[in-house]
Amino acid sequence: MQDRPTETLPPSEPSRLARAWDSDLAWSFRHTPVAMVSAAVVVILVLSAVFAPLIAPHDPFDPGSLNLMNGFTPPGRPNAFTQDMFLLGTDDQGRDVLSTILYGMRISLFVGFSAVLLALVIGVILGLLAGYLGGWVEALIMRVADIQLTFPAILVAMLIFGVAKGITPPAYRDQMAIWVLILAIGLSDWVQFARVVRGATLVEKRRDYVQAARLIGRKPFSIMLRHILPNVLNPVLVIATISLALAIIAEATLSFLGVGAPPTKPSLGTLIRIGQGFMFSGEWWILLFPALTLLALALSINLLGDWLRDALNPRLR
């Protein structure tokens, strides 16, 4: 009997996870130690903030659990009266500094992510409209952007925060302070997104695929959302990453100046403002640890943004 020829099976397609692991972006990430360390720091800090109720040794905002006798306890040393020990010490009200940092990061990250998302949505929409429609629409949007760029972003945020808080009923100001803060930072940061998206749209709308979409009767908004938008997202992601660090710093600056997060929901900026009052009286840990946390968070996100910008730049491949 003759042997039947063995059938060769076609090679199976790699999974999405395997394709993602073998992509140029993943290869660049694995071969960039700074990006890996920065990503690890960001992941640790974000997870610590998200799971703060489970990780924090104490609830720093529960008045019933506070003991004023624990006030000004140094890091890693027992309190002279209660003999309680705290890893990072306590503040003037006896609150555990480690717990306040974990809960404060939740406010800072929430404000930062929400403000960047608001700025991204506004900037991308206005950038697409300006780049694709042109004419008086482009002139109006870009002139408003140019006017806003003449003022520092922090002053614009303070102006918007003051106006929005002024029209908020006094009974709801503390409850709405976080949302007003998000609105102020988001409206002060949309210009960068709009300018970049407009420039990319001016290039993409001359491509053949856009002309083909016009010929088959696609409406302008459909072309902008389904054809142009996916091709301008790379620079938007880079700007969003860098803007996240700037938004967190802006929130900390506003809270440090006393016009940001309320004392009932302190962020890292509020904690730094509280610790600044005890810097010269010997209680250095109240200021140092929140400031180092803010520095590590903003620096790590910035380094990730720098790596992402280089990794997505085709000229550097």
Foldseek 3Di string as FASTA:
>chain_A
DDDDDDDDDDDDDDDPVVCVCPDLLNVLCVVDVLLVVLVVLQVVLVVLLVCLVVPPPDQQLDVVPWDQQQALADAQAARPPPRDHANLGAHNRRGRLVSLQSLQANLLLVLLLLLLVLLLVVQLVLLLCLQPVPDPSVVVSVVVLVVLVVDDLLVQLLVQLVVVLVPDPPVCSQVCQSVSSSVSNNVSRNSVSSVQSSVQSNVVCPDPVNVVCVVVPDDSVCCSPVPRVVVSCLVVVLCSLLSSLVSSVSQLVCLLVVSHRDPSRHHLSVQLNSLVVCCVVPSVSSNPPSVVSSVSNSVSSNSNSVSSVLSPDVVND
